[in-house]
Structures are given as C-alpha cells and as structure tokens.
Protein backbone atom coordinates (compact mmCIF):
# COMPACT_ATOMS: atom_id res chain seq x y z
CA MET A 1 -20.01 -71.55 54.96
CA ASP A 2 -17.10 -74.04 55.57
CA PHE A 3 -16.45 -76.87 57.98
CA SER A 4 -12.90 -76.97 59.30
CA SER A 5 -10.72 -80.10 58.40
CA ASN A 6 -10.52 -81.24 62.00
CA GLY A 7 -14.25 -81.12 62.27
CA LYS A 8 -14.50 -78.66 65.15
CA TYR A 9 -15.69 -75.58 63.74
CA LEU A 10 -18.25 -74.29 60.92
CA ALA A 11 -17.33 -70.91 59.72
CA THR A 12 -20.15 -68.57 58.11
CA CYS A 13 -20.03 -65.22 56.61
CA ALA A 14 -22.97 -62.77 55.77
CA ASP A 15 -23.63 -59.10 54.88
CA ASP A 16 -23.54 -58.02 58.24
CA ARG A 17 -19.67 -57.80 57.94
CA THR A 18 -18.95 -60.58 60.29
CA VAL A 19 -17.77 -63.95 59.97
CA ARG A 20 -18.96 -66.31 62.59
CA ILE A 21 -17.05 -69.38 63.92
CA TRP A 22 -19.40 -71.98 65.54
CA SER A 23 -18.24 -74.91 67.65
CA THR A 24 -19.61 -78.06 66.28
CA LYS A 25 -19.97 -79.89 69.54
CA ASP A 26 -22.95 -77.42 70.60
CA PHE A 27 -25.11 -78.35 67.24
CA LEU A 28 -27.22 -80.81 69.12
CA GLN A 29 -27.42 -78.59 72.24
CA ARG A 30 -30.03 -75.66 72.79
CA GLU A 31 -27.62 -72.99 72.86
CA HIS A 32 -25.33 -72.25 69.79
CA ARG A 33 -22.24 -70.16 70.75
CA SER A 34 -20.11 -68.33 68.20
CA MET A 35 -16.88 -66.42 67.97
CA ARG A 36 -17.06 -63.30 65.70
CA ALA A 37 -14.55 -61.89 63.49
CA ASN A 38 -15.31 -58.25 62.20
CA VAL A 39 -14.70 -57.47 58.47
CA GLU A 40 -13.56 -53.85 58.45
CA LEU A 41 -15.44 -51.49 55.93
CA ASP A 42 -16.55 -54.63 53.78
CA HIS A 43 -18.19 -57.97 53.93
CA ALA A 44 -17.17 -61.54 53.19
CA THR A 45 -19.21 -63.20 50.48
CA LEU A 46 -17.07 -66.62 50.73
CA VAL A 47 -15.08 -68.22 53.50
CA ARG A 48 -12.52 -71.23 53.86
CA PHE A 49 -10.36 -72.44 56.67
CA SER A 50 -6.86 -73.37 56.24
CA PRO A 51 -5.91 -77.06 56.78
CA ASP A 52 -4.30 -76.33 60.05
CA CYS A 53 -7.31 -74.34 61.34
CA ARG A 54 -5.00 -71.39 62.32
CA ALA A 55 -6.43 -69.11 59.82
CA PHE A 56 -9.26 -68.50 57.11
CA ILE A 57 -9.62 -66.59 54.07
CA VAL A 58 -12.70 -64.53 52.83
CA TRP A 59 -13.56 -63.13 49.56
CA LEU A 60 -14.39 -59.43 50.10
CA ALA A 61 -17.49 -58.00 48.36
CA ASN A 62 -16.41 -54.50 47.73
CA GLY A 63 -12.64 -55.11 47.86
CA ASP A 64 -13.07 -57.50 45.17
CA THR A 65 -10.13 -59.60 46.79
CA LEU A 66 -8.94 -62.28 49.08
CA ARG A 67 -8.08 -61.32 52.91
CA VAL A 68 -6.48 -63.74 55.22
CA PHE A 69 -7.26 -63.80 58.80
CA LYS A 70 -5.00 -65.46 61.45
CA MET A 71 -6.67 -67.27 64.40
CA THR A 72 -4.89 -67.30 67.46
CA LYS A 73 -5.91 -69.04 70.57
CA ARG A 74 -6.33 -67.19 74.01
CA GLU A 75 -5.77 -68.61 77.37
CA ASP A 76 -9.59 -68.37 77.91
CA GLY A 77 -10.33 -70.99 75.10
CA GLY A 78 -11.30 -68.33 72.75
CA TYR A 79 -9.66 -67.06 69.70
CA THR A 80 -8.30 -63.68 68.40
CA PHE A 81 -8.77 -62.90 64.83
CA THR A 82 -6.47 -60.62 63.04
CA ALA A 83 -6.45 -59.78 59.38
CA ASN A 84 -3.30 -59.83 57.39
CA PRO A 85 -2.11 -56.14 56.67
CA GLU A 86 -1.90 -56.68 53.08
CA ASP A 87 -4.86 -58.10 51.03
CA PHE A 88 -4.45 -60.13 47.92
CA PRO A 89 -3.86 -58.04 44.56
CA LYS A 90 -6.90 -57.70 42.50
CA LYS A 91 -6.55 -59.80 39.39
CA HIS A 92 -10.36 -61.08 38.35
CA LYS A 93 -12.35 -59.11 35.88
CA ALA A 94 -15.74 -60.76 36.67
CA PRO A 95 -17.66 -61.80 39.81
CA ILE A 96 -15.96 -64.42 42.13
CA ILE A 97 -18.10 -68.02 42.22
CA ASN A 98 -15.78 -69.80 44.50
CA ILE A 99 -12.53 -69.81 46.50
CA GLY A 100 -10.69 -72.80 47.91
CA ILE A 101 -7.33 -73.75 49.86
CA ALA A 102 -5.54 -76.82 48.99
CA ASP A 103 -5.51 -79.38 52.07
CA THR A 104 -1.95 -79.51 51.45
CA GLY A 105 -1.52 -75.73 52.09
CA LYS A 106 0.34 -75.57 48.67
CA PHE A 107 -2.05 -73.17 47.00
CA ILE A 108 -5.14 -71.23 46.96
CA MET A 109 -7.82 -71.06 44.08
CA THR A 110 -10.15 -68.43 43.24
CA ALA A 111 -12.84 -68.72 40.33
CA SER A 112 -14.73 -66.11 38.50
CA SER A 113 -18.10 -66.27 36.53
CA ASP A 114 -16.22 -65.57 33.18
CA THR A 115 -13.79 -68.38 32.12
CA THR A 116 -10.75 -67.73 34.66
CA ILE A 117 -9.44 -69.67 37.62
CA LEU A 118 -6.46 -68.51 39.15
CA ILE A 119 -3.98 -70.57 41.25
CA TRP A 120 -2.08 -68.49 43.89
CA ASN A 121 0.51 -69.31 46.40
CA LEU A 122 -0.37 -68.55 50.12
CA LYS A 123 1.49 -65.09 49.93
CA GLY A 124 -0.80 -63.76 47.08
CA ARG A 125 1.47 -64.31 44.04
CA VAL A 126 -0.29 -65.83 41.05
CA LEU A 127 1.24 -69.05 39.96
CA SER A 128 -1.02 -70.05 37.11
CA THR A 129 -3.98 -68.83 35.17
CA ILE A 130 -6.58 -71.48 33.74
CA ASN A 131 -8.85 -70.58 31.01
CA THR A 132 -11.80 -73.14 31.36
CA ASN A 133 -13.12 -72.42 27.63
CA GLN A 134 -16.88 -73.03 29.07
CA MET A 135 -18.30 -69.83 27.91
CA ASN A 136 -18.95 -68.97 31.71
CA ASN A 137 -18.05 -70.75 34.98
CA THR A 138 -20.73 -71.51 37.39
CA HIS A 139 -18.79 -73.55 40.03
CA ALA A 140 -15.02 -74.48 40.39
CA ALA A 141 -13.56 -76.40 43.39
CA ILE A 142 -10.19 -78.01 44.63
CA SER A 143 -10.45 -81.69 45.10
CA PRO A 144 -10.08 -83.02 48.95
CA CYS A 145 -6.79 -84.68 47.82
CA SER A 146 -5.40 -81.33 46.61
CA ARG A 147 -4.23 -82.76 43.16
CA PHE A 148 -7.04 -81.33 41.26
CA VAL A 149 -8.98 -78.20 40.19
CA ALA A 150 -12.22 -78.84 38.56
CA SER A 151 -14.80 -76.43 36.80
CA CYS A 152 -18.17 -76.73 35.38
CA GLY A 153 -20.11 -74.16 33.30
CA PHE A 154 -22.07 -73.46 29.96
CA THR A 155 -20.75 -76.61 28.54
CA PRO A 156 -22.25 -80.23 29.25
CA ASP A 157 -18.95 -81.48 31.04
CA VAL A 158 -16.99 -81.14 33.96
CA LYS A 159 -13.28 -80.37 33.48
CA VAL A 160 -10.43 -81.44 35.62
CA TRP A 161 -7.03 -80.25 35.77
CA GLU A 162 -4.01 -81.49 37.96
CA VAL A 163 -1.99 -78.81 39.90
CA CYS A 164 1.72 -80.21 39.69
CA PHE A 165 4.38 -79.75 42.24
CA GLY A 166 7.84 -80.83 42.38
CA LYS A 167 9.51 -83.05 45.04
CA LYS A 168 10.60 -79.73 47.12
CA SER A 169 6.85 -78.68 46.94
CA ASP A 170 7.75 -76.06 44.35
CA PHE A 171 5.02 -75.34 41.87
CA GLN A 172 5.51 -76.69 38.20
CA GLU A 173 2.43 -76.59 35.99
CA VAL A 174 -1.31 -77.14 35.63
CA VAL A 175 -2.12 -79.85 33.28
CA ARG A 176 -5.49 -81.37 31.77
CA ALA A 177 -6.41 -84.48 33.65
CA PHE A 178 -9.90 -85.64 32.85
CA GLU A 179 -13.26 -84.76 31.87
CA LEU A 180 -16.79 -86.01 33.23
CA LYS A 181 -18.77 -86.36 29.83
CA GLY A 182 -22.44 -87.53 29.70
CA HIS A 183 -24.73 -84.73 30.40
CA SER A 184 -26.86 -83.14 27.56
CA ALA A 185 -26.79 -79.50 28.82
CA ALA A 186 -25.04 -77.02 31.00
CA VAL A 187 -23.76 -78.38 34.15
CA HIS A 188 -24.83 -76.15 37.39
CA PHE A 189 -22.73 -77.92 40.05
CA PHE A 190 -20.36 -80.88 40.97
CA ALA A 191 -18.68 -82.06 44.21
CA PHE A 192 -15.93 -84.50 45.22
CA SER A 193 -16.22 -87.49 47.97
CA ASN A 194 -14.02 -87.14 50.78
CA ASP A 195 -11.30 -89.48 49.33
CA SER A 196 -11.62 -87.81 45.71
CA ARG A 197 -12.54 -91.01 44.09
CA ARG A 198 -15.90 -90.21 43.43
CA MET A 199 -17.55 -87.08 41.83
CA ALA A 200 -21.22 -85.98 41.60
CA SER A 201 -22.60 -83.59 39.00
CA VAL A 202 -26.25 -81.85 38.43
CA SER A 203 -27.32 -80.50 35.12
CA LYS A 204 -29.57 -78.26 33.48
CA ASP A 205 -30.71 -81.76 31.55
CA GLY A 206 -32.68 -82.63 34.50
CA THR A 207 -30.28 -85.32 35.87
CA TRP A 208 -27.60 -85.90 38.47
CA LYS A 209 -24.72 -88.22 37.91
CA LEU A 210 -22.40 -90.02 40.29
CA TRP A 211 -18.74 -90.70 38.80
CA ASP A 212 -15.96 -93.03 39.53
CA THR A 213 -12.83 -90.92 39.12
CA ASP A 214 -10.32 -93.12 40.71
CA VAL A 215 -8.79 -93.66 37.33
CA GLU A 216 -5.33 -93.57 35.86
CA TYR A 217 -5.98 -90.67 33.49
CA LYS A 218 -2.28 -90.44 32.30
CA LYS A 219 -3.00 -93.96 30.76
CA GLN A 220 -5.98 -92.40 29.05
CA GLN A 221 -8.36 -94.11 31.20
CA ASP A 222 -11.74 -92.15 31.48
CA PRO A 223 -14.01 -91.68 34.64
CA TYR A 224 -16.68 -94.44 34.80
CA LEU A 225 -20.34 -93.47 35.20
CA LEU A 226 -21.85 -95.15 38.07
CA ARG A 227 -25.52 -93.98 38.59
CA THR A 228 -27.81 -91.32 36.76
CA GLY A 229 -30.73 -90.08 38.58
CA CYS A 230 -33.56 -87.59 37.85
CA PHE A 231 -33.76 -84.13 39.04
CA GLU A 232 -36.57 -82.04 37.40
CA GLU A 233 -36.04 -79.10 39.17
CA ALA A 234 -32.49 -78.87 37.64
CA SER A 235 -33.88 -78.18 34.09
CA THR A 236 -35.77 -74.99 35.19
CA MET A 237 -33.57 -73.39 37.87
CA PRO A 238 -29.80 -73.24 39.09
CA CYS A 239 -29.17 -75.73 41.85
CA ARG A 240 -26.33 -76.82 44.29
CA LEU A 241 -25.24 -80.24 45.47
CA ALA A 242 -23.13 -81.84 48.15
CA LEU A 243 -21.92 -85.36 48.45
CA SER A 244 -21.46 -87.07 51.80
CA PRO A 245 -17.88 -87.98 52.63
CA ASP A 246 -18.65 -91.79 51.86
CA ALA A 247 -20.49 -90.66 48.66
CA GLN A 248 -23.60 -92.88 49.66
CA VAL A 249 -25.66 -89.75 49.86
CA LEU A 250 -26.40 -86.78 47.49
CA ALA A 251 -28.10 -83.68 48.76
CA LEU A 252 -29.50 -81.45 46.05
CA ALA A 253 -30.60 -77.65 46.86
CA SER A 254 -32.82 -75.86 44.38
CA GLY A 255 -34.60 -72.49 45.29
CA SER A 256 -35.18 -73.02 49.30
CA SER A 257 -35.62 -76.96 49.38
CA VAL A 258 -33.21 -79.57 49.97
CA HIS A 259 -33.61 -83.23 48.44
CA LEU A 260 -31.62 -86.10 49.60
CA TYR A 261 -30.92 -89.27 47.41
CA ASN A 262 -29.26 -92.64 48.02
CA THR A 263 -26.45 -92.87 45.62
CA ARG A 264 -26.45 -96.53 45.03
CA ARG A 265 -29.96 -96.98 44.33
CA GLY A 266 -30.61 -93.32 42.92
CA GLU A 267 -33.98 -92.93 44.67
CA LYS A 268 -35.04 -90.01 46.70
CA GLU A 269 -34.96 -90.66 50.34
CA GLU A 270 -35.87 -87.28 52.07
CA CYS A 271 -37.28 -83.73 50.97
CA PHE A 272 -37.28 -80.78 53.25
CA GLU A 273 -39.36 -78.08 51.67
CA GLN A 274 -38.76 -74.34 51.93
CA VAL A 275 -36.15 -74.58 54.69
CA HIS A 276 -34.93 -71.02 54.07
CA GLY A 277 -36.59 -67.55 53.38
CA GLU A 278 -34.45 -67.12 50.50
CA CYS A 279 -32.55 -69.32 47.97
CA ILE A 280 -30.12 -71.77 49.48
CA ALA A 281 -26.69 -70.17 49.08
CA ASP A 282 -24.53 -73.05 50.38
CA LEU A 283 -24.80 -76.73 51.25
CA SER A 284 -22.34 -78.83 53.05
CA PHE A 285 -21.99 -82.20 55.03
CA ASP A 286 -20.08 -82.26 58.03
CA ILE A 287 -16.68 -84.47 58.14
CA THR A 288 -18.71 -87.22 59.92
CA GLY A 289 -21.30 -87.27 57.40
CA ARG A 290 -23.85 -87.20 60.12
CA LEU A 291 -25.07 -83.80 59.64
CA LEU A 292 -26.04 -81.55 56.54
CA ALA A 293 -25.91 -77.85 56.97
CA SER A 294 -27.62 -75.38 54.36
CA CYS A 295 -27.63 -71.55 54.72
CA GLY A 296 -29.68 -69.13 52.65
CA ASP A 297 -31.03 -66.36 54.66
CA ARG A 298 -30.02 -65.26 58.33
CA ALA A 299 -29.65 -68.82 59.73
CA VAL A 300 -27.76 -72.12 59.14
CA ARG A 301 -30.24 -75.13 59.14
CA LEU A 302 -29.07 -78.56 60.30
CA PHE A 303 -30.27 -81.91 59.09
CA HIS A 304 -29.61 -85.49 60.28
CA ASN A 305 -28.48 -87.38 57.37
CA THR A 306 -30.82 -90.23 57.88
CA PRO A 307 -30.14 -91.77 54.24
CA GLY A 308 -26.64 -91.90 55.47
CA HIS A 309 -27.57 -94.25 58.36
CA ARG A 310 -29.67 -96.21 56.20
CA ALA A 311 -26.96 -96.91 53.59
CA VAL A 312 -24.72 -98.22 56.44
CA VAL A 313 -27.46 -100.54 57.70
CA GLU A 314 -27.85 -101.89 53.84
CA GLU A 315 -24.16 -101.98 53.39
CA MET A 316 -23.42 -103.90 56.82
CA GLN A 317 -26.42 -106.40 56.14
CA GLY A 318 -24.92 -107.17 52.85
CA LEU A 319 -21.48 -107.78 54.04
CA LEU A 320 -22.76 -109.82 57.14
CA LYS A 321 -24.20 -112.38 54.66
CA ARG A 322 -20.83 -112.97 53.02
CA ALA A 323 -18.58 -112.32 56.19
CA SER A 324 -16.48 -115.64 56.90
CA ASN A 325 -14.72 -115.01 60.27
CA GLU A 326 -16.04 -114.17 63.46
CA SER A 327 -13.99 -111.03 64.31
CA THR A 328 -15.32 -109.47 61.02
CA ARG A 329 -18.74 -110.43 61.73
CA GLN A 330 -18.40 -108.81 65.17
CA ARG A 331 -17.06 -105.60 63.88
CA LEU A 332 -19.88 -105.43 61.16
CA GLN A 333 -22.45 -106.23 63.78
CA GLN A 334 -21.42 -103.34 65.77
CA GLN A 335 -21.42 -100.85 63.00
CA LEU A 336 -24.78 -102.18 61.94
CA SER A 337 -26.06 -101.70 65.68
CA GLN A 338 -24.64 -98.22 65.70
CA ALA A 339 -26.75 -97.11 62.44
CA GLN A 340 -29.80 -98.78 63.70
CA GLU A 341 -29.58 -97.30 67.12
CA ALA A 342 -28.66 -93.68 65.42
CA LEU A 343 -31.97 -94.01 62.97
CA ARG A 344 -33.99 -95.23 66.26
CA SER A 345 -32.82 -92.17 68.17
CA LEU A 346 -34.21 -89.88 65.36
CA GLY A 347 -37.57 -91.75 64.90
CA ALA A 348 -36.44 -92.84 61.53
CA LEU A 349 -35.96 -96.38 61.78
CA LYS A 350 -38.24 -98.32 59.27
CA LYS A 351 -39.82 -101.21 60.37
C-alpha cells in the first residue's frame, strides 16, 4: 500500500487483480469507499503513487515488470485508470522486494532480493545499476528528499547512495554517500523520517536504532546514533518498521503484531497483538502522523497514533517551561491543548 503525497488517498494492491484507491477523509467514517483499477491478466504486488498523484506504478507478479497507470479525473469526481500501452522492460533476475518514485519525479527505483537496485527514468530506461554487495537485499527505499537511495540486507549495515542530477535535471551518476554502522547482525528493514534527517533500522541482533543522518557526508561526517532500543522478536523472525513523519514514534511489525515505541525515551508504548490473519505485509504512517496503517490479509487496519500525541504533549510541556515571550507561549499552549484533546477523545489521556 502507499499514501499519496497530498495525503488524500491510500492505494492498496492484492492478489485479486485490483488496485484500490481509498479516500483518507472517509477513514474515520463507517463507510469506506474505494475506486478500483483492474490489472489485466496479472496482479500487482507493490504500488506507489507518482508525486503529482496523477499516476501510480505497480509491480506485476507474473509479468515481472513495472506498469504505469494514469489517473484521469472525471466530471463526477471519480477517476478513470488507464494502463500505459508499454510496460517497462524486464531487467531483474531475482524477485522484487520494493519499488519507489522520487518525490522530485526524476527517477524510479526497483530493488530485487539479489544485490541489484536499478535506477530508471520515467520512460522506462535504466539510468544506473547499483550492486549493494550485501549478499542479498531485504529492503531498499528512496529518501523523501529524493537525494538518496538506501538498502539493507545480509550485512549488519544500511548503505546509502546519492542519485546525482545536473542543473538541467539531467542524470549524472550514483555515488556512495554514507552507511549506518552499529548493528551486529543482518538488518531486516529501515525507514526515513519525512524530512530525511532521521533514519531508523531494525536488525536480527534484536535491536532497533534511530540515527541522525543530517550530516555533511562529503566532509566525511558520519551519521550519529541517537537511540538504541530492544526488540527481541527481530532476532527470531523478519520484521518491518515505519517511522512517523516527525520521527517521534517507531512502529515495528513482526508476524501479525504491531509494536509502537517512543523514540526519544526508547520505550514501548503500545502493542497490538494479532491484528491480521497473516503476516503483516506493509506498515505505514499517513502524512499527518495521526494514523498508522497495516495490511497483511484481505483488510487494511488503521490505528490511532496515541504515542505520537503523547510525544507532542511531552515536547510542548518542556518547551513551555523555557518559552520567554507570550506569543510563543500561546502557540505552544495551543499545540499542547490540541494533543491533549486528541488523547482525551481517544480515551488515552493518562491521568
């Protein structure tokens, strides 16, 4: 599944040969409407919106390639979905683990479970091939700022590359940027915060880590480790993670359960056991950070991000103590009240 960058839609794909586009404004209503796009003679295993929300790309299970769907708005407010006549050429030799479109719209990434990451232009031409040298890839992703592509796998690190473009938006090269080093076993998964200044990783060593990646790597500055937390489940089974847009909350999924951690204190705050009938296949915060979505069986589950509201309460209370002028105090008090009200309405305000 994938949230659109404007926050209006959630796209989901399944083995039933459809991609469904859900309106996020219906999420808290009883009825959840969706628009359906049919995947002819195949089914999609991954889906990603284009940055302008006028198209989406899918990975085809049988076709083993990318297909682009255009979204055209109709007069009645719905959409017509049209598949591009030509699919991307087949280039990968191993199963695909992730796809992505840069928010700048300059490139598409596909990553397979061997050590290959391909960087494509939007027309389906390969711009660059990255060999991750990690024995195998378990996850790869584009940073929200579109500068970086990262991967993790059998080795105990996360490798990050910069995808470089010239002044006229012409592709130049892919260069090594930095690495997240500190785990003692294979890394299952990683994620970026919304501003790309933080990254989180989870490893087979039974820990998760939060990193400050806002560094001048060209001057040989390494990322800083901010926090390490325990997650025993990671030592026995693969798991996924999602980082809230503000990096305050880390969601970890193993099997069919979801665990939420406060990243500043490193403590587990919520645990949702067996929320799906099968292993969780995807986990994502919406762009506001108020909701967390998971999928794994035939349904998408939505959770209120109560640890996120609590983190805002803690942060605002701390800032209020130090606030010097009245207008700042009023602004902080307003944000504090909003977060407390959100917790109260969810019955989660701690006395």
